[in-house]
């Protein structure tokens, strides 16, 4: 159980980092393609967080 909590925290951190990357890309004026790629990564991380929460 403790291992699952560690995994969930790690995934939550990765999701937060992905969110920050999207915001920074928009602020820096990155291309729509770059922002879309980062947004897809963010969505993947959110899915992993939700999946880990269901397993826990």
PDB file of N, CA and C in Angstrom:
ATOM      1  N   UNK A   1       0.823  -1.199   0.000  1.00  0.00           N
ATOM      2  CA  UNK A   1       0.000   0.000   0.000  1.00  0.00           C
ATOM      3  C   UNK A   1       0.868   1.264   0.000  1.00  0.00           C
ATOM      4  N   UNK A   2       1.924   1.231   0.787  1.00  0.00           N
ATOM      5  CA  UNK A   2       2.817   2.387   0.860  1.00  0.00           C
ATOM      6  C   UNK A   2       3.491   2.635  -0.492  1.00  0.00           C
ATOM      7  N   UNK A   3       3.824   1.565  -1.191  1.00  0.00           N
ATOM      8  CA  UNK A   3       4.450   1.682  -2.510  1.00  0.00           C
ATOM      9  C   UNK A   3       3.488   2.351  -3.491  1.00  0.00           C
ATOM     10  N   UNK A   4       2.204   2.007  -3.417  1.00  0.00           N
ATOM     11  CA  UNK A   4       1.209   2.631  -4.291  1.00  0.00           C
ATOM     12  C   UNK A   4       1.097   4.122  -4.027  1.00  0.00           C
ATOM     13  N   UNK A   5       1.171   4.514  -2.760  1.00  0.00           N
ATOM     14  CA  UNK A   5       1.106   5.935  -2.414  1.00  0.00           C
ATOM     15  C   UNK A   5       2.314   6.684  -2.977  1.00  0.00           C
ATOM     16  N   UNK A   6       3.485   6.041  -2.921  1.00  0.00           N
ATOM     17  CA  UNK A   6       4.688   6.655  -3.486  1.00  0.00           C
ATOM     18  C   UNK A   6       4.535   6.844  -4.990  1.00  0.00           C
ATOM     19  N   UNK A   7       4.009   5.833  -5.655  1.00  0.00           N
ATOM     20  CA  UNK A   7       3.797   5.915  -7.100  1.00  0.00           C
ATOM     21  C   UNK A   7       2.801   7.015  -7.420  1.00  0.00           C
ATOM     22  N   UNK A   8       1.720   7.087  -6.646  1.00  0.00           N
ATOM     23  CA  UNK A   8       0.701   8.111  -6.879  1.00  0.00           C
ATOM     24  C   UNK A   8       1.287   9.514  -6.702  1.00  0.00           C
ATOM     25  N   UNK A   9       2.102   9.712  -5.661  1.00  0.00           N
ATOM     26  CA  UNK A   9       2.725  11.017  -5.439  1.00  0.00           C
ATOM     27  C   UNK A   9       3.665  11.379  -6.585  1.00  0.00           C
ATOM     28  N   UNK A  10       4.412  10.397  -7.069  1.00  0.00           N
ATOM     29  CA  UNK A  10       5.329  10.632  -8.188  1.00  0.00           C
ATOM     30  C   UNK A  10       4.544  11.041  -9.434  1.00  0.00           C
ATOM     31  N   UNK A  11       3.448  10.342  -9.697  1.00  0.00           N
ATOM     32  CA  UNK A  11       2.628  10.661 -10.864  1.00  0.00           C
ATOM     33  C   UNK A  11       1.975  12.031 -10.729  1.00  0.00           C
ATOM     34  N   UNK A  12       1.541  12.382  -9.516  1.00  0.00           N
ATOM     35  CA  UNK A  12       0.958  13.709  -9.296  1.00  0.00           C
ATOM     36  C   UNK A  12       1.992  14.803  -9.561  1.00  0.00           C
ATOM     37  N   UNK A  13       3.224  14.571  -9.146  1.00  0.00           N
ATOM     38  CA  UNK A  13       4.302  15.537  -9.388  1.00  0.00           C
ATOM     39  C   UNK A  13       4.557  15.682 -10.885  1.00  0.00           C
ATOM     40  N   UNK A  14       4.558  14.562 -11.601  1.00  0.00           N
ATOM     41  CA  UNK A  14       4.760  14.611 -13.044  1.00  0.00           C
ATOM     42  C   UNK A  14       3.621  15.366 -13.721  1.00  0.00           C
ATOM     43  N   UNK A  15       2.388  15.188 -13.219  1.00  0.00           N
ATOM     44  CA  UNK A  15       1.247  15.906 -13.774  1.00  0.00           C
ATOM     45  C   UNK A  15       1.400  17.405 -13.532  1.00  0.00           C
ATOM     46  N   UNK A  16       1.802  17.782 -12.321  1.00  0.00           N
ATOM     47  CA  UNK A  16       2.012  19.199 -12.009  1.00  0.00           C
ATOM     48  C   UNK A  16       3.093  19.797 -12.913  1.00  0.00           C
ATOM     49  N   UNK A  17       4.158  19.039 -13.137  1.00  0.00           N
ATOM     50  CA  UNK A  17       5.229  19.503 -14.027  1.00  0.00           C
ATOM     51  C   UNK A  17       4.716  19.681 -15.453  1.00  0.00           C
ATOM     52  N   UNK A  18       3.871  18.754 -15.899  1.00  0.00           N
ATOM     53  CA  UNK A  18       3.307  18.844 -17.249  1.00  0.00           C
ATOM     54  C   UNK A  18       2.402  20.065 -17.377  1.00  0.00           C
ATOM     55  N   UNK A  19       1.622  20.339 -16.338  1.00  0.00           N
ATOM     56  CA  UNK A  19       0.758  21.530 -16.349  1.00  0.00           C
ATOM     57  C   UNK A  19       1.601  22.794 -16.452  1.00  0.00           C
ATOM     58  N   UNK A  20       2.662  22.837 -15.676  1.00  0.00           N
ATOM     59  CA  UNK A  20       3.555  23.995 -15.684  1.00  0.00           C
ATOM     60  C   UNK A  20       4.222  24.166 -17.050  1.00  0.00           C
ATOM     61  N   UNK A  21       4.582  23.061 -17.676  1.00  0.00           N
ATOM     62  CA  UNK A  21       5.218  23.124 -18.994  1.00  0.00           C
ATOM     63  C   UNK A  21       4.276  23.719 -20.036  1.00  0.00           C
ATOM     64  N   UNK A  22       2.992  23.372 -19.957  1.00  0.00           N
ATOM     65  CA  UNK A  22       2.008  23.919 -20.897  1.00  0.00           C
ATOM     66  C   UNK A  22       1.878  25.426 -20.697  1.00  0.00           C
ATOM     67  N   UNK A  23       1.773  25.846 -19.450  1.00  0.00           N
ATOM     68  CA  UNK A  23       1.643  27.274 -19.146  1.00  0.00           C
ATOM     69  C   UNK A  23       2.874  28.032 -19.637  1.00  0.00           C
ATOM     70  N   UNK A  24       4.052  27.499 -19.354  1.00  0.00           N
ATOM     71  CA  UNK A  24       5.287  28.161 -19.770  1.00  0.00           C
ATOM     72  C   UNK A  24       5.384  28.245 -21.294  1.00  0.00           C
ATOM     73  N   UNK A  25       4.978  27.184 -21.979  1.00  0.00           N
ATOM     74  CA  UNK A  25       5.034  27.181 -23.444  1.00  0.00           C
ATOM     75  C   UNK A  25       4.133  28.260 -24.021  1.00  0.00           C
ATOM     76  N   UNK A  26       2.948  28.414 -23.426  1.00  0.00           N
ATOM     77  CA  UNK A  26       2.029  29.452 -23.895  1.00  0.00           C
ATOM     78  C   UNK A  26       2.613  30.838 -23.644  1.00  0.00           C
ATOM     79  N   UNK A  27       3.199  31.032 -22.464  1.00  0.00           N
ATOM     80  CA  UNK A  27       3.788  32.326 -22.125  1.00  0.00           C
ATOM     81  C   UNK A  27       4.973  32.662 -23.027  1.00  0.00           C
ATOM     82  N   UNK A  28       5.717  31.640 -23.424  1.00  0.00           N
ATOM     83  CA  UNK A  28       6.898  31.851 -24.262  1.00  0.00           C
ATOM     84  C   UNK A  28       6.551  31.951 -25.745  1.00  0.00           C
ATOM     85  N   UNK A  29       5.275  31.789 -26.065  1.00  0.00           N
ATOM     86  CA  UNK A  29       4.852  31.909 -27.458  1.00  0.00           C
ATOM     87  C   UNK A  29       5.247  30.733 -28.336  1.00  0.00           C
ATOM     88  N   UNK A  30       5.298  29.552 -27.752  1.00  0.00           N
ATOM     89  CA  UNK A  30       5.638  28.360 -28.535  1.00  0.00           C
ATOM     90  C   UNK A  30       4.563  28.110 -29.588  1.00  0.00           C
ATOM     91  N   UNK A  31       4.899  27.288 -30.559  1.00  0.00           N
ATOM     92  CA  UNK A  31       3.953  26.994 -31.634  1.00  0.00           C
ATOM     93  C   UNK A  31       2.789  26.162 -31.110  1.00  0.00           C
ATOM     94  N   UNK A  32       1.694  26.194 -31.852  1.00  0.00           N
ATOM     95  CA  UNK A  32       0.511  25.416 -31.471  1.00  0.00           C
ATOM     96  C   UNK A  32       0.845  23.929 -31.416  1.00  0.00           C
ATOM     97  N   UNK A  33       1.705  23.477 -32.313  1.00  0.00           N
ATOM     98  CA  UNK A  33       2.097  22.064 -32.339  1.00  0.00           C
ATOM     99  C   UNK A  33       2.842  21.676 -31.059  1.00  0.00           C
ATOM    100  N   UNK A  34       3.752  22.538 -30.618  1.00  0.00           N
ATOM    101  CA  UNK A  34       4.497  22.267 -29.383  1.00  0.00           C
ATOM    102  C   UNK A  34       3.563  22.258 -28.177  1.00  0.00           C
ATOM    103  N   UNK A  35       2.643  23.205 -28.144  1.00  0.00           N
ATOM    104  CA  UNK A  35       1.690  23.281 -27.035  1.00  0.00           C
ATOM    105  C   UNK A  35       0.781  22.056 -27.044  1.00  0.00           C
ATOM    106  N   UNK A  36       0.347  21.633 -28.226  1.00  0.00           N
ATOM    107  CA  UNK A  36      -0.506  20.443 -28.329  1.00  0.00           C
ATOM    108  C   UNK A  36       0.231  19.216 -27.811  1.00  0.00           C
ATOM    109  N   UNK A  37       1.504  19.089 -28.173  1.00  0.00           N
ATOM    110  CA  UNK A  37       2.307  17.957 -27.704  1.00  0.00           C
ATOM    111  C   UNK A  37       2.389  17.959 -26.173  1.00  0.00           C
ATOM    112  N   UNK A  38       2.666  19.107 -25.591  1.00  0.00           N
ATOM    113  CA  UNK A  38       2.749  19.208 -24.131  1.00  0.00           C
ATOM    114  C   UNK A  38       1.394  18.949 -23.480  1.00  0.00           C
ATOM    115  N   UNK A  39       0.325  19.391 -24.123  1.00  0.00           N
ATOM    116  CA  UNK A  39      -1.021  19.153 -23.598  1.00  0.00           C
ATOM    117  C   UNK A  39      -1.339  17.661 -23.616  1.00  0.00           C
ATOM    118  N   UNK A  40      -0.900  16.963 -24.649  1.00  0.00           N
ATOM    119  CA  UNK A  40      -1.106  15.514 -24.716  1.00  0.00           C
ATOM    120  C   UNK A  40      -0.351  14.803 -23.599  1.00  0.00           C
ATOM    121  N   UNK A  41       0.860  15.251 -23.330  1.00  0.00           N
ATOM    122  CA  UNK A  41       1.633  14.680 -22.225  1.00  0.00           C
ATOM    123  C   UNK A  41       0.899  14.924 -20.912  1.00  0.00           C
ATOM    124  N   UNK A  42       0.373  16.131 -20.747  1.00  0.00           N
ATOM    125  CA  UNK A  42      -0.377  16.479 -19.538  1.00  0.00           C
ATOM    126  C   UNK A  42      -1.576  15.547 -19.376  1.00  0.00           C
ATOM    127  N   UNK A  43      -2.298  15.307 -20.452  1.00  0.00           N
ATOM    128  CA  UNK A  43      -3.467  14.425 -20.395  1.00  0.00           C
ATOM    129  C   UNK A  43      -3.057  12.998 -20.034  1.00  0.00           C
ATOM    130  N   UNK A  44      -1.943  12.533 -20.583  1.00  0.00           N
ATOM    131  CA  UNK A  44      -1.451  11.196 -20.248  1.00  0.00           C
ATOM    132  C   UNK A  44      -1.111  11.097 -18.765  1.00  0.00           C
ATOM    133  N   UNK A  45      -0.480  12.137 -18.233  1.00  0.00           N
ATOM    134  CA  UNK A  45      -0.120  12.130 -16.815  1.00  0.00           C
ATOM    135  C   UNK A  45      -1.369  12.136 -15.937  1.00  0.00           C
ATOM    136  N   UNK A  46      -2.378  12.909 -16.331  1.00  0.00           N
ATOM    137  CA  UNK A  46      -3.623  12.959 -15.558  1.00  0.00           C
ATOM    138  C   UNK A  46      -4.274  11.584 -15.540  1.00  0.00           C
ATOM    139  N   UNK A  47      -4.270  10.890 -16.681  1.00  0.00           N
ATOM    140  CA  UNK A  47      -4.831   9.546 -16.755  1.00  0.00           C
ATOM    141  C   UNK A  47      -4.095   8.607 -15.804  1.00  0.00           C
ATOM    142  N   UNK A  48      -2.776   8.696 -15.775  1.00  0.00           N
ATOM    143  CA  UNK A  48      -1.986   7.837 -14.896  1.00  0.00           C
ATOM    144  C   UNK A  48      -2.291   8.116 -13.429  1.00  0.00           C
ATOM    145  N   UNK A  49      -2.481   9.388 -13.079  1.00  0.00           N
ATOM    146  CA  UNK A  49      -2.823   9.745 -11.698  1.00  0.00           C
ATOM    147  C   UNK A  49      -4.176   9.141 -11.331  1.00  0.00           C
ATOM    148  N   UNK A  50      -5.144   9.273 -12.212  1.00  0.00           N
ATOM    149  CA  UNK A  50      -6.484   8.725 -11.952  1.00  0.00           C
ATOM    150  C   UNK A  50      -6.435   7.206 -11.836  1.00  0.00           C
ATOM    151  N   UNK A  51      -5.680   6.569 -12.702  1.00  0.00           N
ATOM    152  CA  UNK A  51      -5.557   5.117 -12.665  1.00  0.00           C
ATOM    153  C   UNK A  51      -4.904   4.662 -11.364  1.00  0.00           C
ATOM    154  N   UNK A  52      -3.868   5.354 -10.943  1.00  0.00           N
ATOM    155  CA  UNK A  52      -3.198   5.008  -9.685  1.00  0.00           C
ATOM    156  C   UNK A  52      -4.140   5.183  -8.504  1.00  0.00           C
ATOM    157  N   UNK A  53      -4.967   6.224  -8.544  1.00  0.00           N
ATOM    158  CA  UNK A  53      -5.930   6.450  -7.461  1.00  0.00           C
ATOM    159  C   UNK A  53      -6.963   5.327  -7.413  1.00  0.00           C
ATOM    160  N   UNK A  54      -7.376   4.845  -8.564  1.00  0.00           N
ATOM    161  CA  UNK A  54      -8.341   3.740  -8.600  1.00  0.00           C
ATOM    162  C   UNK A  54      -7.738   2.458  -8.047  1.00  0.00           C
ATOM    163  N   UNK A  55      -6.479   2.217  -8.365  1.00  0.00           N
ATOM    164  CA  UNK A  55      -5.807   1.010  -7.895  1.00  0.00           C
ATOM    165  C   UNK A  55      -5.601   1.070  -6.386  1.00  0.00           C
ATOM    166  N   UNK A  56      -5.274   2.253  -5.897  1.00  0.00           N
ATOM    167  CA  UNK A  56      -5.036   2.430  -4.455  1.00  0.00           C
ATOM    168  C   UNK A  56      -6.352   2.353  -3.761  1.00  0.00           C
TER     169      UNK A  56
END
